[in-house]
Each structure stands twice: as C-alpha cells, then as structure tokens.
Amino acid sequence: MNLRPIDEFFLNKYEPAKSCLQALRQFMLNYHPAITEEWKYKLPFYYYKGKMFCYFWVDKKSGQPYIGIVEGGRIEHPMLVQGDRKRMKIFT
C-alpha cells in the first residue's frame, strides 16, 4: 500500500506526539470547509481559502509537536513565540 507523504508524516511519529498531531489534523480539517491540507516543504501545511495559514512540526530537541502560524509575526499573543523567525511564530 502506497501512502501519501503527508500521511506517512503522521504515521511515522512516536507517541504521544503522533496522537496529538493526528488529533490536531482532524480538528483542523473539520473546523471549516475552506481549510485544506497540502504537503509543502516536507511538512503538512494548512490553507484557508487558498492562503497558507499554519503547519505542524515536531521540535527536534524536545520531541514536542507545535503549530507554526505563517503570519504569526503580525499577531501579538503571549503563547506565540517568534524566536529567530521573521514571519512565523509557533504555538507549543
């Protein structure tokens, strides 16, 4: 059975990150019909009305999953961390 790379991304993660990411995926895809999922830059990206909105990733050091907000630099919220990123912020 040949899986799509985006499906392999979710299936190849270790628990508990795997379950967390799969739950986030289902939540995101069921939240609004204008949200779509695409495989870009070797990560799952989510688009809203055709525009990049966010992506999912797992931190290499901590193993914790996070959500990257594409235009997060425009949002001021204490839970969003910019780090060295110019445009994006992450929510861990």
C-alpha atoms as a PDB file:
ATOM      1  CA  MET A   1       0.000   0.000   0.000  1.00  0.00           C
ATOM      2  CA  ASN A   2       1.468   3.348  -1.055  1.00  0.00           C
ATOM      3  CA  LEU A   3       0.770   6.136   1.378  1.00  0.00           C
ATOM      4  CA  ARG A   4       0.977   9.793   0.531  1.00  0.00           C
ATOM      5  CA  PRO A   5       3.960  11.582   2.116  1.00  0.00           C
ATOM      6  CA  ILE A   6       1.593  13.664   4.245  1.00  0.00           C
ATOM      7  CA  ASP A   7       0.002  10.502   5.674  1.00  0.00           C
ATOM      8  CA  GLU A   8       3.447   9.000   6.342  1.00  0.00           C
ATOM      9  CA  PHE A   9       4.394  12.162   8.248  1.00  0.00           C
ATOM     10  CA  PHE A  10       1.646  11.496  10.790  1.00  0.00           C
ATOM     11  CA  LEU A  11       2.037   7.712  10.934  1.00  0.00           C
ATOM     12  CA  ASN A  12       5.822   7.772  11.430  1.00  0.00           C
ATOM     13  CA  LYS A  13       5.790   9.926  14.572  1.00  0.00           C
ATOM     14  CA  TYR A  14       6.248   8.434  18.035  1.00  0.00           C
ATOM     15  CA  GLU A  15       3.671   8.655  20.796  1.00  0.00           C
ATOM     16  CA  PRO A  16       2.500  10.902  22.363  1.00  0.00           C
ATOM     17  CA  ALA A  17       3.335  13.349  19.530  1.00  0.00           C
ATOM     18  CA  LYS A  18       1.673  11.034  16.997  1.00  0.00           C
ATOM     19  CA  SER A  19      -1.744  11.108  18.688  1.00  0.00           C
ATOM     20  CA  CYS A  20      -1.501  14.834  19.322  1.00  0.00           C
ATOM     21  CA  LEU A  21      -0.699  15.598  15.672  1.00  0.00           C
ATOM     22  CA  GLN A  22      -3.423  13.280  14.387  1.00  0.00           C
ATOM     23  CA  ALA A  23      -5.985  14.969  16.656  1.00  0.00           C
ATOM     24  CA  LEU A  24      -4.832  18.411  15.502  1.00  0.00           C
ATOM     25  CA  ARG A  25      -5.096  17.269  11.890  1.00  0.00           C
ATOM     26  CA  GLN A  26      -8.679  16.094  12.306  1.00  0.00           C
ATOM     27  CA  PHE A  27      -9.630  19.226  14.217  1.00  0.00           C
ATOM     28  CA  MET A  28      -8.135  21.481  11.550  1.00  0.00           C
ATOM     29  CA  LEU A  29      -9.750  19.662   8.616  1.00  0.00           C
ATOM     30  CA  ASN A  30     -13.164  19.542  10.309  1.00  0.00           C
ATOM     31  CA  TYR A  31     -13.091  23.127  11.583  1.00  0.00           C
ATOM     32  CA  HIS A  32     -14.082  24.868   8.344  1.00  0.00           C
ATOM     33  CA  PRO A  33     -14.714  23.628   4.784  1.00  0.00           C
ATOM     34  CA  ALA A  34     -12.364  26.299   3.369  1.00  0.00           C
ATOM     35  CA  ILE A  35      -9.379  24.773   5.216  1.00  0.00           C
ATOM     36  CA  THR A  36      -7.335  22.411   3.061  1.00  0.00           C
ATOM     37  CA  GLU A  37      -4.228  20.333   3.707  1.00  0.00           C
ATOM     38  CA  GLU A  38      -1.170  20.275   1.437  1.00  0.00           C
ATOM     39  CA  TRP A  39       2.286  18.717   1.587  1.00  0.00           C
ATOM     40  CA  LYS A  40       4.822  21.561   1.229  1.00  0.00           C
ATOM     41  CA  TYR A  41       8.486  21.765   2.253  1.00  0.00           C
ATOM     42  CA  LYS A  42       8.190  18.215   3.665  1.00  0.00           C
ATOM     43  CA  LEU A  43       5.566  19.265   6.221  1.00  0.00           C
ATOM     44  CA  PRO A  44       1.791  19.373   6.435  1.00  0.00           C
ATOM     45  CA  PHE A  45       0.574  22.884   5.680  1.00  0.00           C
ATOM     46  CA  TYR A  46      -2.972  24.107   6.134  1.00  0.00           C
ATOM     47  CA  TYR A  47      -4.528  26.696   3.876  1.00  0.00           C
ATOM     48  CA  TYR A  48      -7.569  28.859   4.445  1.00  0.00           C
ATOM     49  CA  LYS A  49      -9.300  29.940   1.248  1.00  0.00           C
ATOM     50  CA  GLY A  50      -6.146  29.111  -0.704  1.00  0.00           C
ATOM     51  CA  LYS A  51      -3.730  31.057   1.531  1.00  0.00           C
ATOM     52  CA  MET A  52      -1.098  29.455   3.757  1.00  0.00           C
ATOM     53  CA  PHE A  53      -2.288  29.577   7.341  1.00  0.00           C
ATOM     54  CA  CYS A  54      -0.273  27.180   9.505  1.00  0.00           C
ATOM     55  CA  TYR A  55       1.805  23.991   9.613  1.00  0.00           C
ATOM     56  CA  PHE A  56       2.552  21.195  12.068  1.00  0.00           C
ATOM     57  CA  TRP A  57       6.011  20.100  13.144  1.00  0.00           C
ATOM     58  CA  VAL A  58       7.827  18.326  15.981  1.00  0.00           C
ATOM     59  CA  ASP A  59      10.653  20.075  17.826  1.00  0.00           C
ATOM     60  CA  LYS A  60      13.868  18.119  17.313  1.00  0.00           C
ATOM     61  CA  LYS A  61      15.207  18.736  20.835  1.00  0.00           C
ATOM     62  CA  SER A  62      12.102  18.285  22.969  1.00  0.00           C
ATOM     63  CA  GLY A  63      10.090  15.961  20.707  1.00  0.00           C
ATOM     64  CA  GLN A  64       7.051  18.150  21.344  1.00  0.00           C
ATOM     65  CA  PRO A  65       4.654  18.912  18.498  1.00  0.00           C
ATOM     66  CA  TYR A  66       3.874  22.509  17.658  1.00  0.00           C
ATOM     67  CA  ILE A  67       1.790  24.620  15.312  1.00  0.00           C
ATOM     68  CA  GLY A  68       3.603  27.189  13.190  1.00  0.00           C
ATOM     69  CA  ILE A  69       1.486  30.222  12.303  1.00  0.00           C
ATOM     70  CA  VAL A  70       2.559  31.526   8.886  1.00  0.00           C
ATOM     71  CA  GLU A  71       1.846  35.224   9.510  1.00  0.00           C
ATOM     72  CA  GLY A  72       2.381  34.901  13.247  1.00  0.00           C
ATOM     73  CA  GLY A  73       4.666  37.939  13.233  1.00  0.00           C
ATOM     74  CA  ARG A  74       1.528  40.046  12.837  1.00  0.00           C
ATOM     75  CA  ILE A  75      -0.124  38.552  15.926  1.00  0.00           C
ATOM     76  CA  GLU A  76       0.670  39.624  19.480  1.00  0.00           C
ATOM     77  CA  HIS A  77      -0.141  36.807  21.891  1.00  0.00           C
ATOM     78  CA  PRO A  78       1.855  35.576  24.903  1.00  0.00           C
ATOM     79  CA  MET A  79       1.597  31.925  23.785  1.00  0.00           C
ATOM     80  CA  LEU A  80       3.196  32.609  20.376  1.00  0.00           C
ATOM     81  CA  VAL A  81       6.996  32.501  20.169  1.00  0.00           C
ATOM     82  CA  GLN A  82       8.879  34.106  17.291  1.00  0.00           C
ATOM     83  CA  GLY A  83      12.451  33.108  18.085  1.00  0.00           C
ATOM     84  CA  ASP A  84      14.689  33.733  15.046  1.00  0.00           C
ATOM     85  CA  ARG A  85      11.785  33.566  12.597  1.00  0.00           C
ATOM     86  CA  LYS A  86      10.888  36.669  10.580  1.00  0.00           C
ATOM     87  CA  ARG A  87       7.298  35.889   9.546  1.00  0.00           C
ATOM     88  CA  MET A  88       6.218  32.943  11.587  1.00  0.00           C
ATOM     89  CA  LYS A  89       5.565  32.279  15.237  1.00  0.00           C
ATOM     90  CA  ILE A  90       4.975  28.945  16.883  1.00  0.00           C
ATOM     91  CA  PHE A  91       2.461  27.753  19.429  1.00  0.00           C
ATOM     92  CA  THR A  92       3.794  24.914  21.575  1.00  0.00           C
END
